[in-house]
Amino acid sequence: MHEGRVVEYVSRQLKTNERNYPTHDLELAVVVFALKSWKHYMYGARFSIFSDHKSLKYLFD
């Protein structure tokens, strides 16, 4: 979010093998997908990742 506003939305369908992933793996896959999709915005800049998923908190803290 930039100054409290959403910068961009992005989505995609799950691949066949991803449908069997546990929830925490899917949440992490979303973070990786977002970083790859928006790397041109973030390259060389500081950024924060916000997630409300409890099992991923250990990665971000």
Protein backbone atom coordinates (compact mmCIF):
# COMPACT_ATOMS: atom_id res chain seq x y z
CA MET A 1 0.00 0.00 0.00
CA HIS A 2 1.27 3.41 -0.90
CA GLU A 3 0.15 6.09 1.54
CA GLY A 4 -2.69 3.81 2.63
CA ARG A 5 -3.82 3.00 -0.92
CA VAL A 6 -3.54 -0.15 -2.99
CA VAL A 7 -0.96 0.19 -5.77
CA GLU A 8 -1.98 -2.75 -7.94
CA TYR A 9 -4.01 -5.96 -7.90
CA VAL A 10 -2.85 -9.20 -9.50
CA SER A 11 -4.29 -12.72 -9.61
CA ARG A 12 -3.89 -16.08 -11.25
CA GLN A 13 -5.39 -19.55 -11.09
CA LEU A 14 -3.76 -22.34 -9.14
CA LYS A 15 -1.88 -24.94 -11.14
CA THR A 16 -3.02 -28.55 -10.82
CA ASN A 17 -0.28 -29.55 -8.39
CA GLU A 18 -0.75 -26.38 -6.31
CA ARG A 19 -4.32 -27.38 -5.45
CA ASN A 20 -2.91 -29.98 -3.07
CA TYR A 21 -0.65 -27.53 -1.20
CA PRO A 22 -1.42 -26.85 2.47
CA THR A 23 -2.69 -23.38 3.32
CA HIS A 24 0.60 -22.01 4.66
CA ASP A 25 2.41 -23.07 1.46
CA LEU A 26 -0.21 -21.32 -0.66
CA GLU A 27 0.14 -18.15 1.42
CA LEU A 28 3.91 -18.23 0.92
CA ALA A 29 3.46 -18.91 -2.81
CA VAL A 30 1.35 -15.75 -3.00
CA VAL A 31 4.18 -13.72 -1.46
CA VAL A 32 6.71 -15.18 -3.92
CA PHE A 33 4.35 -14.54 -6.86
CA ALA A 34 3.82 -10.94 -5.77
CA LEU A 35 7.56 -10.33 -5.39
CA LYS A 36 8.22 -11.72 -8.86
CA SER A 37 5.33 -9.75 -10.40
CA TRP A 38 6.32 -6.42 -8.85
CA LYS A 39 10.10 -6.74 -8.75
CA HIS A 40 10.51 -3.82 -11.17
CA TYR A 41 8.76 -1.57 -8.62
CA MET A 42 10.77 -2.84 -5.65
CA TYR A 43 14.26 -3.17 -7.11
CA GLY A 44 16.61 -1.02 -5.06
CA ALA A 45 13.87 0.18 -2.70
CA ARG A 46 12.90 -0.72 0.84
CA PHE A 47 9.52 -2.38 1.15
CA SER A 48 7.39 -4.15 3.72
CA ILE A 49 5.32 -7.30 3.44
CA PHE A 50 2.10 -7.45 5.44
CA SER A 51 0.28 -10.71 6.06
CA ASP A 52 -2.44 -11.70 8.49
CA HIS A 53 -1.64 -15.40 8.14
CA LYS A 54 -0.41 -16.65 11.53
CA SER A 55 1.79 -19.50 10.26
CA LEU A 56 3.87 -17.09 8.14
CA LYS A 57 4.60 -14.66 10.97
CA TYR A 58 7.80 -16.54 11.86
CA LEU A 59 9.20 -15.74 8.39
CA PHE A 60 8.48 -12.04 8.57
CA ASP A 61 9.54 -11.38 12.18
